[in-house]
Amino acid sequence: MTPRRSRIAAVCTLLLATVACTGTAPRPDLPAASATAATVAVAEAFVSEANENEELDSLATWPTEDGGLWVIATAKATHRLKVFDGDTGDFLREVGTRGSAAGQFNRPNGIAVHGDLLFVVERDNRRVQVMSLPGFEPVGEFGHAELRSPYGLWLHETAPGELEVFVTDSFMLGERFDVVPPLDQLDERVRRYRVTVDGTGGLLARDGGSFGSTRPDTALRMVESIAGDAAAGRLLIADEDRRHRSTLYEYRLDGRATGRRVPDTSFGAEAEGIALWSCPGGGGYWVAVDQLMPLAEFHLFRRDALTPVGSFRGGTVSYTDGIALHAAPTRAFPGGALYAVHADRAVAAFDLREVVNALRLDQGCVD
């Protein structure tokens, strides 16, 4: 979640025998391996061409009307969206320019799709903008009056046409905005909205208040990634503050901390993108990124117990922020795919069938 990362000149250096040249040197402050057990290798199905100086961050998928799949990425440095083909990784188009008007962006970060609606969090416009797909026509916006430094979001449908939207708000203090607020201010780390889209395309958003624990053992210090399990009534929220503990905390949908988190040894670097992989019969897994270099690691935890299932890494993907898990079949991925940002500049895909086989997961998840 580092707001502005220093750029390192591209140098093809052999980091590991299995690592392709990424053009990014490792950051000395990041561990090279996680604190978990052995990690297996799963080769990337593709890695897109590099998009230099874009600072790609978060991903969402949208099935197209012709049976294809879009992967939509936020590009923070250039204040726009980038669209890729989910089957090939080919770049398709870009959307938006810098600004605060409808259809413009200022430091877009979190992104989510519901039906044909696209939700984009803009940190520096302090809002969530809603657009209609496939044309990216502006529908409306919300949050400007309450949000201070928003990053990620998760949403689910509570009734036909009605959505509950959770937005992480990682405002910081100090001259350099690097000081975590005191505990008594951390009850505003996640803000909730009730959003309705009527039949004419109008948008109505109501502020539902904020939440966050103020207890030392469950407080959210630096937040970005958030994902939910509506069926189980829970949220998983990544805390990236390695000065305290970078991990995934469990909260209920009503905003109460449960006191549960994944094991403290799970992440060697920052806990980043989170996705729920739902499987038949109510089973499944949480997938979360360990933002390591030279290779990022993807940790899987059981959906209900939050216990570790296994971890994998690719041969190229490094320093990942956002991920998107698309469990439905596509032309290239009959069992679905996991998409991940690579080194702020590309999008990669992992075949979920390969993940299942490598980690010996439930085969029903990709049938």
Protein backbone atom coordinates (compact mmCIF):
# COMPACT_ATOMS: atom_id res chain seq x y z
CA MET A 1 0.00 0.00 0.00
CA THR A 2 3.08 2.24 -0.08
CA PRO A 3 1.65 5.49 -1.56
CA ARG A 4 4.57 6.36 -3.84
CA ARG A 5 7.27 3.79 -4.45
CA SER A 6 10.67 4.83 -5.72
CA ARG A 7 11.42 3.46 -9.17
CA ILE A 8 14.51 1.41 -9.89
CA ALA A 9 16.04 1.34 -13.34
CA ALA A 10 15.33 -1.84 -15.27
CA VAL A 11 18.24 -4.24 -15.02
CA CYS A 12 18.08 -7.86 -16.18
CA THR A 13 19.57 -9.65 -13.21
CA LEU A 14 19.32 -13.36 -12.59
CA LEU A 15 17.54 -13.41 -9.24
CA LEU A 16 16.68 -17.08 -9.15
CA ALA A 17 17.21 -19.89 -11.64
CA THR A 18 13.48 -19.95 -12.36
CA VAL A 19 12.83 -16.22 -12.45
CA ALA A 20 12.53 -14.29 -15.70
CA CYS A 21 13.95 -10.81 -15.92
CA THR A 22 11.27 -8.47 -14.55
CA GLY A 23 13.09 -5.17 -14.83
CA THR A 24 12.66 -4.59 -11.10
CA ALA A 25 15.38 -5.02 -8.50
CA PRO A 26 14.39 -6.38 -5.07
CA ARG A 27 13.65 -3.93 -2.31
CA PRO A 28 16.08 -4.50 0.58
CA ASP A 29 13.35 -4.00 3.18
CA LEU A 30 11.28 -6.94 1.89
CA PRO A 31 12.00 -10.56 2.84
CA ALA A 32 12.75 -12.98 0.02
CA ALA A 33 10.56 -15.75 1.40
CA SER A 34 7.54 -16.13 3.63
CA ALA A 35 7.51 -17.47 7.14
CA THR A 36 5.22 -20.34 6.15
CA ALA A 37 6.01 -23.92 5.25
CA ALA A 38 7.37 -24.98 1.85
CA THR A 39 5.82 -23.24 -1.14
CA VAL A 40 5.10 -25.09 -4.38
CA ALA A 41 5.62 -23.76 -7.90
CA VAL A 42 2.75 -23.07 -10.30
CA ALA A 43 3.72 -21.62 -13.68
CA GLU A 44 1.90 -18.55 -14.94
CA ALA A 45 -0.44 -19.19 -17.86
CA PHE A 46 0.53 -15.77 -19.16
CA VAL A 47 2.16 -12.52 -18.11
CA SER A 48 1.05 -9.50 -20.11
CA GLU A 49 3.43 -7.07 -21.75
CA ALA A 50 4.84 -4.50 -19.33
CA ASN A 51 2.98 -1.23 -18.86
CA GLU A 52 5.80 0.99 -17.65
CA ASN A 53 5.17 3.87 -15.24
CA GLU A 54 1.49 2.97 -14.78
CA GLU A 55 1.69 1.61 -11.21
CA LEU A 56 -1.03 -0.99 -11.65
CA ASP A 57 -2.71 -1.88 -8.39
CA SER A 58 -6.07 -3.67 -8.19
CA LEU A 59 -8.02 -5.97 -10.51
CA ALA A 60 -11.59 -6.93 -11.32
CA THR A 61 -13.08 -9.22 -13.98
CA TRP A 62 -16.12 -8.77 -16.21
CA PRO A 63 -17.56 -11.39 -18.62
CA THR A 64 -18.20 -9.81 -22.01
CA GLU A 65 -21.35 -10.28 -24.04
CA ASP A 66 -19.48 -12.34 -26.67
CA GLY A 67 -18.23 -14.93 -24.17
CA GLY A 68 -14.87 -13.35 -23.44
CA LEU A 69 -13.51 -11.92 -20.21
CA TRP A 70 -12.06 -8.54 -19.35
CA VAL A 71 -9.53 -7.98 -16.59
CA ILE A 72 -9.76 -4.34 -15.54
CA ALA A 73 -6.81 -2.84 -13.65
CA THR A 74 -6.44 0.48 -11.85
CA ALA A 75 -3.37 2.49 -12.87
CA LYS A 76 -2.56 4.83 -10.01
CA ALA A 77 0.31 6.82 -11.51
CA THR A 78 -1.48 7.63 -14.78
CA HIS A 79 -4.95 8.05 -13.23
CA ARG A 80 -6.81 5.67 -15.51
CA LEU A 81 -8.04 2.13 -16.00
CA LYS A 82 -6.36 -0.50 -18.19
CA VAL A 83 -8.33 -3.34 -19.76
CA PHE A 84 -6.80 -6.71 -20.66
CA ASP A 85 -8.11 -9.86 -22.33
CA GLY A 86 -8.61 -12.43 -19.55
CA ASP A 87 -7.80 -15.36 -21.84
CA THR A 88 -4.61 -14.05 -23.46
CA GLY A 89 -3.37 -11.09 -21.43
CA ASP A 90 -3.52 -8.86 -24.50
CA PHE A 91 -4.02 -5.15 -23.80
CA LEU A 92 -7.41 -3.97 -25.08
CA ARG A 93 -8.00 -0.35 -24.09
CA GLU A 94 -7.53 2.34 -21.48
CA VAL A 95 -10.16 4.53 -19.88
CA GLY A 96 -10.05 7.92 -18.20
CA THR A 97 -7.78 10.88 -17.58
CA ARG A 98 -6.70 12.73 -14.47
CA GLY A 99 -9.35 14.95 -12.93
CA SER A 100 -12.34 15.09 -10.62
CA ALA A 101 -15.16 15.19 -13.15
CA ALA A 102 -17.36 12.19 -13.91
CA GLY A 103 -15.34 9.64 -15.89
CA GLN A 104 -12.02 11.04 -14.67
CA PHE A 105 -9.81 9.62 -11.90
CA ASN A 106 -7.31 10.76 -9.33
CA ARG A 107 -5.18 7.92 -7.95
CA PRO A 108 -7.65 5.06 -8.59
CA ASN A 109 -7.03 2.08 -6.34
CA GLY A 110 -9.66 -0.48 -5.33
CA ILE A 111 -12.01 -1.83 -8.00
CA ALA A 112 -14.98 -4.20 -8.05
CA VAL A 113 -17.67 -5.38 -10.47
CA HIS A 114 -21.29 -6.21 -9.74
CA GLY A 115 -23.26 -7.24 -12.81
CA ASP A 116 -22.61 -4.50 -15.35
CA LEU A 117 -21.61 -1.91 -12.74
CA LEU A 118 -17.98 -1.03 -12.09
CA PHE A 119 -16.99 0.50 -8.74
CA VAL A 120 -13.66 2.38 -8.54
CA VAL A 121 -12.15 3.82 -5.36
CA GLU A 122 -10.15 7.01 -5.91
CA ARG A 123 -7.79 7.83 -3.08
CA ASP A 124 -7.09 11.45 -3.99
CA ASN A 125 -10.66 12.27 -5.08
CA ARG A 126 -11.83 10.64 -1.84
CA ARG A 127 -14.75 8.93 -3.52
CA VAL A 128 -16.13 5.76 -5.06
CA GLN A 129 -17.11 6.27 -8.68
CA VAL A 130 -19.64 3.95 -10.36
CA MET A 131 -19.63 3.29 -14.11
CA SER A 132 -21.66 1.16 -16.49
CA LEU A 133 -20.02 -1.58 -18.56
CA PRO A 134 -19.04 -2.13 -21.32
CA GLY A 135 -18.98 1.56 -22.22
CA PHE A 136 -17.62 2.92 -18.91
CA GLU A 137 -20.38 5.54 -18.79
CA PRO A 138 -20.47 7.37 -15.42
CA VAL A 139 -23.46 6.42 -13.27
CA GLY A 140 -22.68 8.32 -10.07
CA GLU A 141 -20.32 8.66 -7.12
CA PHE A 142 -20.41 8.60 -3.33
CA GLY A 143 -18.24 8.90 -0.25
CA HIS A 144 -16.61 12.30 -0.76
CA ALA A 145 -18.15 13.76 2.40
CA GLU A 146 -16.86 10.97 4.65
CA LEU A 147 -13.79 9.31 3.12
CA ARG A 148 -10.31 10.66 3.84
CA SER A 149 -7.87 8.23 2.21
CA PRO A 150 -9.84 5.32 0.72
CA TYR A 151 -8.11 2.31 -0.80
CA GLY A 152 -10.05 -0.94 -1.18
CA LEU A 153 -13.64 -2.13 -1.33
CA TRP A 154 -15.88 -5.17 -1.25
CA LEU A 155 -19.58 -5.30 -2.00
CA HIS A 156 -22.46 -7.74 -1.98
CA GLU A 157 -26.13 -7.69 -2.89
CA THR A 158 -28.53 -7.58 0.07
CA ALA A 159 -31.74 -7.39 -2.01
CA PRO A 160 -32.53 -7.00 -5.73
CA GLY A 161 -30.96 -3.72 -6.80
CA GLU A 162 -29.54 -3.01 -3.33
CA LEU A 163 -25.86 -3.32 -2.44
CA GLU A 164 -23.84 -3.04 0.74
CA VAL A 165 -20.42 -1.55 0.01
CA PHE A 166 -17.47 -1.64 2.43
CA VAL A 167 -14.59 0.79 1.79
CA THR A 168 -11.28 0.77 3.68
CA ASP A 169 -10.08 4.22 4.77
CA SER A 170 -6.39 4.22 5.66
CA PHE A 171 -5.93 7.87 6.62
CA MET A 172 -2.63 8.55 8.36
CA LEU A 173 -1.18 11.34 10.50
CA GLY A 174 2.12 13.24 10.63
CA GLU A 175 3.90 15.53 8.18
CA ARG A 176 4.73 12.59 5.91
CA PHE A 177 1.41 10.80 6.48
CA ASP A 178 3.23 7.77 7.90
CA VAL A 179 1.94 7.82 11.47
CA VAL A 180 -0.84 5.39 12.40
CA PRO A 181 -3.63 7.22 14.25
CA PRO A 182 -4.11 6.43 17.95
CA LEU A 183 -6.32 3.50 18.84
CA ASP A 184 -9.34 5.65 19.66
CA GLN A 185 -9.44 6.88 16.04
CA LEU A 186 -9.22 3.45 14.45
CA ASP A 187 -12.98 2.92 14.68
CA GLU A 188 -13.17 4.64 11.26
CA ARG A 189 -10.98 2.21 9.32
CA VAL A 190 -13.88 0.75 7.29
CA ARG A 191 -16.90 2.71 6.08
CA ARG A 192 -20.18 1.15 5.02
CA TYR A 193 -22.63 2.37 2.37
CA ARG A 194 -26.07 1.26 1.21
CA VAL A 195 -26.24 1.70 -2.55
CA THR A 196 -29.33 1.43 -4.75
CA VAL A 197 -29.42 1.59 -8.53
CA ASP A 198 -32.91 2.15 -9.91
CA GLY A 199 -34.32 1.02 -13.23
CA THR A 200 -33.37 4.26 -14.96
CA GLY A 201 -29.71 3.98 -13.97
CA GLY A 202 -29.91 6.46 -11.10
CA LEU A 203 -27.63 5.92 -8.10
CA LEU A 204 -28.56 6.49 -4.45
CA ALA A 205 -25.94 5.95 -1.74
CA ARG A 206 -26.52 6.26 1.99
CA ASP A 207 -23.71 6.43 4.54
CA GLY A 208 -24.03 3.53 6.96
CA GLY A 209 -21.30 4.65 9.36
CA SER A 210 -17.83 3.33 10.04
CA PHE A 211 -16.24 0.64 12.17
CA GLY A 212 -12.94 -0.76 13.37
CA SER A 213 -11.74 -2.19 16.65
CA THR A 214 -9.94 0.10 19.10
CA ARG A 215 -8.38 -2.81 20.99
CA PRO A 216 -4.64 -3.42 20.49
CA ASP A 217 -5.07 -7.07 19.50
CA THR A 218 -7.79 -6.53 16.85
CA ALA A 219 -7.33 -2.92 15.66
CA LEU A 220 -6.79 -2.23 11.94
CA ARG A 221 -3.72 -0.02 11.57
CA MET A 222 -2.95 0.20 7.84
CA VAL A 223 -5.71 -1.13 5.62
CA GLU A 224 -6.30 -1.60 1.91
CA SER A 225 -7.50 -5.05 0.84
CA ILE A 226 -10.86 -6.32 2.03
CA ALA A 227 -13.01 -9.26 0.95
CA GLY A 228 -16.13 -10.87 2.29
CA ASP A 229 -18.09 -14.08 2.60
CA ALA A 230 -21.73 -13.03 2.55
CA ALA A 231 -23.00 -16.56 3.19
CA ALA A 232 -20.98 -16.79 6.41
CA GLY A 233 -21.47 -13.14 7.39
CA ARG A 234 -17.77 -12.37 7.64
CA LEU A 235 -15.10 -10.06 6.27
CA LEU A 236 -11.36 -10.58 5.99
CA ILE A 237 -9.34 -7.36 6.17
CA ALA A 238 -5.61 -7.16 5.50
CA ASP A 239 -3.52 -5.07 7.89
CA GLU A 240 -0.25 -4.10 6.19
CA ASP A 241 1.52 -2.53 9.16
CA ARG A 242 4.62 -4.71 9.47
CA ARG A 243 5.76 -2.59 12.40
CA HIS A 244 2.99 -4.27 14.38
CA ARG A 245 1.64 -7.33 12.57
CA SER A 246 0.78 -7.82 8.91
CA THR A 247 -2.03 -10.34 8.77
CA LEU A 248 -5.71 -10.93 7.92
CA TYR A 249 -8.29 -10.07 10.58
CA GLU A 250 -11.81 -11.45 10.67
CA TYR A 251 -14.74 -9.08 11.21
CA ARG A 252 -18.46 -9.69 11.03
CA LEU A 253 -20.57 -7.91 8.45
CA ASP A 254 -22.01 -5.77 11.26
CA GLY A 255 -18.52 -4.42 11.92
CA ARG A 256 -17.61 -6.36 15.05
CA ALA A 257 -14.17 -7.90 15.32
CA THR A 258 -14.36 -11.63 16.05
CA GLY A 259 -10.88 -11.85 17.57
CA ARG A 260 -9.80 -14.34 14.90
CA ARG A 261 -6.99 -13.92 12.39
CA VAL A 262 -4.84 -16.18 10.27
CA PRO A 263 -1.68 -17.50 11.99
CA ASP A 264 0.86 -14.78 12.78
CA THR A 265 3.59 -16.59 10.82
CA SER A 266 1.60 -16.50 7.58
CA PHE A 267 3.14 -13.42 5.95
CA GLY A 268 6.78 -12.59 5.48
CA ALA A 269 6.03 -9.20 3.89
CA GLU A 270 2.82 -7.18 3.54
CA ALA A 271 -0.53 -8.96 3.39
CA GLU A 272 -2.12 -7.69 0.19
CA GLY A 273 -4.90 -8.75 -2.19
CA ILE A 274 -7.59 -11.10 -0.83
CA ALA A 275 -10.16 -13.20 -2.69
CA LEU A 276 -12.69 -15.84 -1.68
CA TRP A 277 -12.64 -19.01 -3.76
CA SER A 278 -16.10 -20.52 -3.26
CA CYS A 279 -16.46 -24.21 -3.95
CA PRO A 280 -19.51 -26.53 -4.14
CA GLY A 281 -21.23 -27.49 -0.91
CA GLY A 282 -20.21 -24.33 0.93
CA GLY A 283 -16.51 -25.16 0.96
CA GLY A 284 -13.66 -23.16 -0.43
CA TYR A 285 -10.56 -21.16 0.35
CA TRP A 286 -9.32 -17.65 0.99
CA VAL A 287 -6.45 -16.59 -1.26
CA ALA A 288 -4.14 -13.79 -0.12
CA VAL A 289 -0.91 -12.34 -1.49
CA ASP A 290 2.36 -12.09 0.39
CA GLN A 291 4.03 -9.07 -1.28
CA LEU A 292 7.48 -10.60 -1.53
CA MET A 293 10.39 -10.11 -3.91
CA PRO A 294 11.78 -11.59 -6.07
CA LEU A 295 8.66 -13.78 -6.19
CA ALA A 296 5.31 -13.07 -4.60
CA GLU A 297 3.63 -15.92 -2.74
CA PHE A 298 -0.05 -16.80 -2.67
CA HIS A 299 -1.30 -18.29 0.58
CA LEU A 300 -4.51 -20.31 0.85
CA PHE A 301 -6.56 -20.66 4.04
CA ARG A 302 -9.65 -22.74 4.71
CA ARG A 303 -12.84 -20.78 4.22
CA ASP A 304 -14.27 -21.40 7.69
CA ALA A 305 -11.35 -22.34 9.93
CA LEU A 306 -8.83 -19.81 8.49
CA THR A 307 -6.14 -22.48 8.83
CA PRO A 308 -3.35 -22.64 6.22
CA VAL A 309 -3.86 -25.05 3.32
CA GLY A 310 -0.74 -24.34 1.28
CA SER A 311 1.14 -21.70 -0.68
CA PHE A 312 2.39 -21.30 -4.23
CA ARG A 313 4.49 -18.95 -6.32
CA GLY A 314 4.97 -18.49 -10.03
CA GLY A 315 8.16 -18.14 -12.01
CA THR A 316 7.83 -14.41 -12.68
CA VAL A 317 5.13 -12.68 -10.64
CA SER A 318 6.66 -10.37 -8.06
CA TYR A 319 5.66 -7.68 -5.59
CA THR A 320 1.92 -8.19 -6.14
CA ASP A 321 -0.73 -5.77 -4.96
CA GLY A 322 -4.15 -6.77 -6.23
CA ILE A 323 -5.65 -10.07 -7.32
CA ALA A 324 -8.95 -11.18 -8.84
CA LEU A 325 -10.23 -14.74 -8.68
CA HIS A 326 -12.57 -15.72 -11.51
CA ALA A 327 -13.89 -19.19 -10.71
CA ALA A 328 -16.26 -19.43 -13.69
CA PRO A 329 -15.03 -21.13 -16.88
CA THR A 330 -13.50 -19.04 -19.65
CA ARG A 331 -12.34 -20.01 -23.13
CA ALA A 332 -8.75 -20.48 -21.98
CA PHE A 333 -9.44 -21.56 -18.38
CA PRO A 334 -12.23 -24.16 -18.07
CA GLY A 335 -11.65 -24.31 -14.31
CA GLY A 336 -11.28 -20.56 -13.83
CA ALA A 337 -8.24 -18.37 -13.24
CA LEU A 338 -6.48 -16.29 -10.62
CA TYR A 339 -5.26 -12.95 -11.94
CA ALA A 340 -2.47 -11.01 -10.22
CA VAL A 341 -0.62 -7.74 -10.71
CA HIS A 342 3.08 -8.24 -11.44
CA ALA A 343 5.59 -5.61 -10.23
CA ASP A 344 3.16 -2.70 -10.73
CA ARG A 345 3.38 -3.06 -14.51
CA ALA A 346 1.75 -6.23 -15.84
CA VAL A 347 -1.12 -8.66 -15.29
CA ALA A 348 -0.55 -12.39 -14.92
CA ALA A 349 -2.88 -15.39 -14.84
CA PHE A 350 -2.72 -18.73 -13.03
CA ASP A 351 -4.90 -21.65 -14.14
CA LEU A 352 -6.95 -22.72 -11.11
CA ARG A 353 -6.75 -26.34 -12.23
CA GLU A 354 -2.98 -26.15 -11.87
CA VAL A 355 -3.34 -24.63 -8.40
CA VAL A 356 -5.70 -27.41 -7.34
CA ASN A 357 -3.31 -30.10 -8.57
CA ALA A 358 -0.19 -28.53 -7.10
CA LEU A 359 -1.71 -28.02 -3.64
CA ARG A 360 -3.91 -31.13 -3.73
CA LEU A 361 -7.07 -29.14 -3.15
CA ASP A 362 -10.68 -30.18 -3.60
CA GLN A 363 -11.08 -31.17 -7.26
CA GLY A 364 -14.72 -30.10 -7.09
CA CYS A 365 -13.58 -26.48 -7.05
CA VAL A 366 -12.62 -26.62 -10.73
CA ASP A 367 -15.04 -29.19 -12.15
